[in-house]
Amino acid sequence: MRHILRRYARFQPQPNYNGCYSRSSMMKQLSHIATVCLLVVLVSCDRHRHVTKPMTWECAEDEYNSSFYARPDEYARFRFVENPHCFDVESSKNFCAELSKSGKAVVNVEFEVWNHGYRMVAVDGRPIQDVGGWGNNGANDYSGDCPPVH
């Protein structure tokens, strides 16, 4: 923070030929200070946090798209236990095979959540591995907010 303020300290208002500070130089200084303050506020407000939600899952081979690298068996659809209308589709290495092998109908899904969105980062402690697939989220017959936005 200090280095930002030092950088803008060089924009000190300069006195005019009478030794007085002009209104425009003072306004310029104020606009620089306001810009720095706004940037600090915006950066500090976008905090990331981690949320874990219980979700049911199913293999989602129908989400396969040949334009992407992920194989059909690497897609899974997750539905929130608290609101099964809402779902997330994600791809990860050997996703369906490993989820099937676990034998669990409900898994704990960890999300990274910030002010304007979220992303799935792990399922039952297993990190999502990028395999060049695509993901999406949505809701069936529901128009409210879906977790983990709450």
C-alpha atoms as a PDB file:
ATOM      1  CA  MET A   1       0.000   0.000   0.000  1.00  0.00           C
ATOM      2  CA  ARG A   2       2.827   2.409   0.843  1.00  0.00           C
ATOM      3  CA  HIS A   3       4.416   1.981  -2.568  1.00  0.00           C
ATOM      4  CA  ILE A   4       1.120   2.939  -4.214  1.00  0.00           C
ATOM      5  CA  LEU A   5       0.825   6.064  -2.087  1.00  0.00           C
ATOM      6  CA  ARG A   6       4.476   6.965  -2.722  1.00  0.00           C
ATOM      7  CA  ARG A   7       3.871   6.617  -6.426  1.00  0.00           C
ATOM      8  CA  TYR A   8       1.039   9.120  -6.284  1.00  0.00           C
ATOM      9  CA  ALA A   9       2.883  11.471  -3.916  1.00  0.00           C
ATOM     10  CA  ARG A  10       4.799  12.851  -6.889  1.00  0.00           C
ATOM     11  CA  PHE A  11       1.543  14.319  -8.204  1.00  0.00           C
ATOM     12  CA  GLN A  12       1.625  17.054  -5.581  1.00  0.00           C
ATOM     13  CA  PRO A  13      -0.146  20.217  -6.581  1.00  0.00           C
ATOM     14  CA  GLN A  14       2.281  22.815  -7.948  1.00  0.00           C
ATOM     15  CA  PRO A  15       1.915  26.485  -7.110  1.00  0.00           C
ATOM     16  CA  ASN A  16       1.228  28.860  -9.984  1.00  0.00           C
ATOM     17  CA  TYR A  17       3.266  32.002 -10.732  1.00  0.00           C
ATOM     18  CA  ASN A  18       1.622  33.836  -7.758  1.00  0.00           C
ATOM     19  CA  GLY A  19       2.712  31.142  -5.325  1.00  0.00           C
ATOM     20  CA  CYS A  20      -0.905  29.932  -4.988  1.00  0.00           C
ATOM     21  CA  TYR A  21      -2.169  26.482  -5.760  1.00  0.00           C
ATOM     22  CA  SER A  22      -4.548  26.350  -8.679  1.00  0.00           C
ATOM     23  CA  ARG A  23      -7.938  24.737  -8.353  1.00  0.00           C
ATOM     24  CA  SER A  24      -7.230  22.374 -11.261  1.00  0.00           C
ATOM     25  CA  SER A  25      -4.012  21.037  -9.696  1.00  0.00           C
ATOM     26  CA  MET A  26      -5.821  20.441  -6.394  1.00  0.00           C
ATOM     27  CA  MET A  27      -8.680  18.677  -8.219  1.00  0.00           C
ATOM     28  CA  LYS A  28      -6.153  16.537 -10.069  1.00  0.00           C
ATOM     29  CA  GLN A  29      -4.553  15.558  -6.747  1.00  0.00           C
ATOM     30  CA  LEU A  30      -7.950  14.709  -5.246  1.00  0.00           C
ATOM     31  CA  SER A  31      -8.887  12.586  -8.249  1.00  0.00           C
ATOM     32  CA  HIS A  32      -5.655  10.581  -7.877  1.00  0.00           C
ATOM     33  CA  ILE A  33      -6.302  10.017  -4.175  1.00  0.00           C
ATOM     34  CA  ALA A  34      -9.905   8.999  -4.882  1.00  0.00           C
ATOM     35  CA  THR A  35      -8.728   6.519  -7.537  1.00  0.00           C
ATOM     36  CA  VAL A  36      -6.258   4.900  -5.139  1.00  0.00           C
ATOM     37  CA  CYS A  37      -8.897   4.640  -2.408  1.00  0.00           C
ATOM     38  CA  LEU A  38     -11.401   3.118  -4.815  1.00  0.00           C
ATOM     39  CA  LEU A  39      -8.865   0.522  -5.957  1.00  0.00           C
ATOM     40  CA  VAL A  40      -8.073  -0.419  -2.354  1.00  0.00           C
ATOM     41  CA  VAL A  41     -11.762  -0.838  -1.557  1.00  0.00           C
ATOM     42  CA  LEU A  42     -12.460  -2.931  -4.661  1.00  0.00           C
ATOM     43  CA  VAL A  43      -9.510  -5.239  -4.115  1.00  0.00           C
ATOM     44  CA  SER A  44     -10.237  -5.757  -0.425  1.00  0.00           C
ATOM     45  CA  CYS A  45     -13.922  -6.545  -1.025  1.00  0.00           C
ATOM     46  CA  ASP A  46     -13.315  -9.482  -3.364  1.00  0.00           C
ATOM     47  CA  ARG A  47     -12.433 -12.041  -0.699  1.00  0.00           C
ATOM     48  CA  HIS A  48     -12.301 -15.702  -1.556  1.00  0.00           C
ATOM     49  CA  ARG A  49     -13.588 -18.320   0.838  1.00  0.00           C
ATOM     50  CA  HIS A  50     -14.054 -22.062   0.726  1.00  0.00           C
ATOM     51  CA  VAL A  51     -17.450 -23.699   1.203  1.00  0.00           C
ATOM     52  CA  THR A  52     -18.195 -27.426   1.366  1.00  0.00           C
ATOM     53  CA  LYS A  53     -21.626 -28.680   0.301  1.00  0.00           C
ATOM     54  CA  PRO A  54     -23.098 -32.202   0.267  1.00  0.00           C
ATOM     55  CA  MET A  55     -24.120 -33.177  -3.262  1.00  0.00           C
ATOM     56  CA  THR A  56     -25.485 -36.178  -5.082  1.00  0.00           C
ATOM     57  CA  TRP A  57     -23.748 -37.132  -8.296  1.00  0.00           C
ATOM     58  CA  GLU A  58     -24.290 -39.007 -11.540  1.00  0.00           C
ATOM     59  CA  CYS A  59     -22.140 -39.698 -14.565  1.00  0.00           C
ATOM     60  CA  ALA A  60     -22.886 -37.140 -17.262  1.00  0.00           C
ATOM     61  CA  GLU A  61     -21.647 -38.723 -20.478  1.00  0.00           C
ATOM     62  CA  ASP A  62     -24.329 -36.732 -22.320  1.00  0.00           C
ATOM     63  CA  GLU A  63     -22.272 -33.579 -21.555  1.00  0.00           C
ATOM     64  CA  TYR A  64     -19.418 -34.849 -23.736  1.00  0.00           C
ATOM     65  CA  ASN A  65     -18.401 -32.454 -26.490  1.00  0.00           C
ATOM     66  CA  SER A  66     -15.914 -33.577 -29.115  1.00  0.00           C
ATOM     67  CA  SER A  67     -14.510 -30.026 -29.294  1.00  0.00           C
ATOM     68  CA  PHE A  68     -12.893 -30.599 -25.882  1.00  0.00           C
ATOM     69  CA  TYR A  69     -10.244 -33.085 -24.772  1.00  0.00           C
ATOM     70  CA  ALA A  70     -12.072 -34.748 -21.857  1.00  0.00           C
ATOM     71  CA  ARG A  71     -13.457 -38.234 -22.492  1.00  0.00           C
ATOM     72  CA  PRO A  72     -17.194 -38.939 -22.048  1.00  0.00           C
ATOM     73  CA  ASP A  73     -16.570 -40.860 -18.790  1.00  0.00           C
ATOM     74  CA  GLU A  74     -14.773 -37.864 -17.247  1.00  0.00           C
ATOM     75  CA  TYR A  75     -17.938 -35.762 -16.820  1.00  0.00           C
ATOM     76  CA  ALA A  76     -20.123 -35.822 -13.709  1.00  0.00           C
ATOM     77  CA  ARG A  77     -23.261 -33.898 -12.777  1.00  0.00           C
ATOM     78  CA  PHE A  78     -23.595 -32.851  -9.138  1.00  0.00           C
ATOM     79  CA  ARG A  79     -26.858 -31.771  -7.498  1.00  0.00           C
ATOM     80  CA  PHE A  80     -27.063 -29.872  -4.225  1.00  0.00           C
ATOM     81  CA  VAL A  81     -28.738 -31.894  -1.469  1.00  0.00           C
ATOM     82  CA  GLU A  82     -30.302 -28.693  -0.104  1.00  0.00           C
ATOM     83  CA  ASN A  83     -31.777 -27.875  -3.524  1.00  0.00           C
ATOM     84  CA  PRO A  84     -31.712 -30.751  -6.045  1.00  0.00           C
ATOM     85  CA  HIS A  85     -33.025 -28.489  -8.831  1.00  0.00           C
ATOM     86  CA  CYS A  86     -29.571 -26.860  -8.960  1.00  0.00           C
ATOM     87  CA  PHE A  87     -26.653 -28.671 -10.566  1.00  0.00           C
ATOM     88  CA  ASP A  88     -23.022 -28.301 -11.575  1.00  0.00           C
ATOM     89  CA  VAL A  89     -21.345 -30.305 -14.338  1.00  0.00           C
ATOM     90  CA  GLU A  90     -17.597 -30.756 -14.023  1.00  0.00           C
ATOM     91  CA  SER A  91     -14.929 -32.837 -15.717  1.00  0.00           C
ATOM     92  CA  SER A  92     -11.902 -34.392 -14.068  1.00  0.00           C
ATOM     93  CA  LYS A  93      -9.546 -37.285 -14.682  1.00  0.00           C
ATOM     94  CA  ASN A  94     -11.321 -40.678 -14.252  1.00  0.00           C
ATOM     95  CA  PHE A  95     -14.202 -38.878 -12.532  1.00  0.00           C
ATOM     96  CA  CYS A  96     -17.046 -41.360 -13.023  1.00  0.00           C
ATOM     97  CA  ALA A  97     -14.888 -44.422 -12.422  1.00  0.00           C
ATOM     98  CA  GLU A  98     -13.564 -43.087  -9.112  1.00  0.00           C
ATOM     99  CA  LEU A  99     -16.945 -41.834  -7.932  1.00  0.00           C
ATOM    100  CA  SER A 100     -18.527 -45.190  -8.803  1.00  0.00           C
ATOM    101  CA  LYS A 101     -15.752 -47.042  -6.999  1.00  0.00           C
ATOM    102  CA  SER A 102     -16.390 -45.026  -3.819  1.00  0.00           C
ATOM    103  CA  GLY A 103     -19.957 -46.383  -3.656  1.00  0.00           C
ATOM    104  CA  LYS A 104     -21.250 -43.137  -2.099  1.00  0.00           C
ATOM    105  CA  ALA A 105     -24.475 -41.536  -3.271  1.00  0.00           C
ATOM    106  CA  VAL A 106     -23.643 -38.233  -1.523  1.00  0.00           C
ATOM    107  CA  VAL A 107     -20.187 -36.647  -1.646  1.00  0.00           C
ATOM    108  CA  ASN A 108     -18.729 -33.493  -0.070  1.00  0.00           C
ATOM    109  CA  VAL A 109     -17.865 -30.934  -2.723  1.00  0.00           C
ATOM    110  CA  GLU A 110     -15.559 -28.047  -1.929  1.00  0.00           C
ATOM    111  CA  PHE A 111     -16.067 -24.725  -3.708  1.00  0.00           C
ATOM    112  CA  GLU A 112     -13.990 -21.598  -3.890  1.00  0.00           C
ATOM    113  CA  VAL A 113     -16.503 -18.741  -3.604  1.00  0.00           C
ATOM    114  CA  TRP A 114     -15.990 -15.038  -4.270  1.00  0.00           C
ATOM    115  CA  ASN A 115     -18.276 -12.029  -4.717  1.00  0.00           C
ATOM    116  CA  HIS A 116     -19.158 -12.716  -8.335  1.00  0.00           C
ATOM    117  CA  GLY A 117     -19.005 -16.482  -8.665  1.00  0.00           C
ATOM    118  CA  TYR A 118     -17.597 -19.801  -7.606  1.00  0.00           C
ATOM    119  CA  ARG A 119     -15.777 -22.856  -8.885  1.00  0.00           C
ATOM    120  CA  MET A 120     -15.619 -26.469  -7.770  1.00  0.00           C
ATOM    121  CA  VAL A 121     -12.152 -27.338  -6.434  1.00  0.00           C
ATOM    122  CA  ALA A 122     -12.448 -30.808  -4.831  1.00  0.00           C
ATOM    123  CA  VAL A 123     -14.763 -33.784  -4.335  1.00  0.00           C
ATOM    124  CA  ASP A 124     -14.357 -35.717  -1.059  1.00  0.00           C
ATOM    125  CA  GLY A 125     -10.930 -34.119  -0.689  1.00  0.00           C
ATOM    126  CA  ARG A 126      -9.805 -35.135  -4.197  1.00  0.00           C
ATOM    127  CA  PRO A 127      -8.784 -32.037  -6.209  1.00  0.00           C
ATOM    128  CA  ILE A 128     -10.435 -31.461  -9.582  1.00  0.00           C
ATOM    129  CA  GLN A 129      -7.879 -32.270 -12.293  1.00  0.00           C
ATOM    130  CA  ASP A 130      -8.112 -30.279 -15.492  1.00  0.00           C
ATOM    131  CA  VAL A 131      -8.488 -32.688 -18.409  1.00  0.00           C
ATOM    132  CA  GLY A 132      -9.508 -30.125 -21.000  1.00  0.00           C
ATOM    133  CA  GLY A 133     -13.239 -30.571 -20.518  1.00  0.00           C
ATOM    134  CA  TRP A 134     -15.909 -28.023 -19.937  1.00  0.00           C
ATOM    135  CA  GLY A 135     -18.273 -27.406 -17.070  1.00  0.00           C
ATOM    136  CA  ASN A 136     -21.556 -25.644 -16.569  1.00  0.00           C
ATOM    137  CA  ASN A 137     -24.187 -25.047 -13.945  1.00  0.00           C
ATOM    138  CA  GLY A 138     -27.866 -24.352 -13.914  1.00  0.00           C
ATOM    139  CA  ALA A 139     -31.229 -25.374 -12.554  1.00  0.00           C
ATOM    140  CA  ASN A 140     -34.178 -27.466 -13.664  1.00  0.00           C
ATOM    141  CA  ASP A 141     -37.599 -25.803 -13.187  1.00  0.00           C
ATOM    142  CA  TYR A 142     -36.242 -23.347 -10.612  1.00  0.00           C
ATOM    143  CA  SER A 143     -35.609 -19.605 -10.791  1.00  0.00           C
ATOM    144  CA  GLY A 144     -34.053 -18.771  -7.393  1.00  0.00           C
ATOM    145  CA  ASP A 145     -30.433 -18.585  -6.308  1.00  0.00           C
ATOM    146  CA  CYS A 146     -28.503 -21.822  -6.258  1.00  0.00           C
ATOM    147  CA  PRO A 147     -25.914 -22.701  -3.626  1.00  0.00           C
ATOM    148  CA  PRO A 148     -23.096 -21.985  -2.854  1.00  0.00           C
ATOM    149  CA  VAL A 149     -24.003 -18.417  -3.785  1.00  0.00           C
ATOM    150  CA  HIS A 150     -25.789 -17.960  -0.416  1.00  0.00           C
END
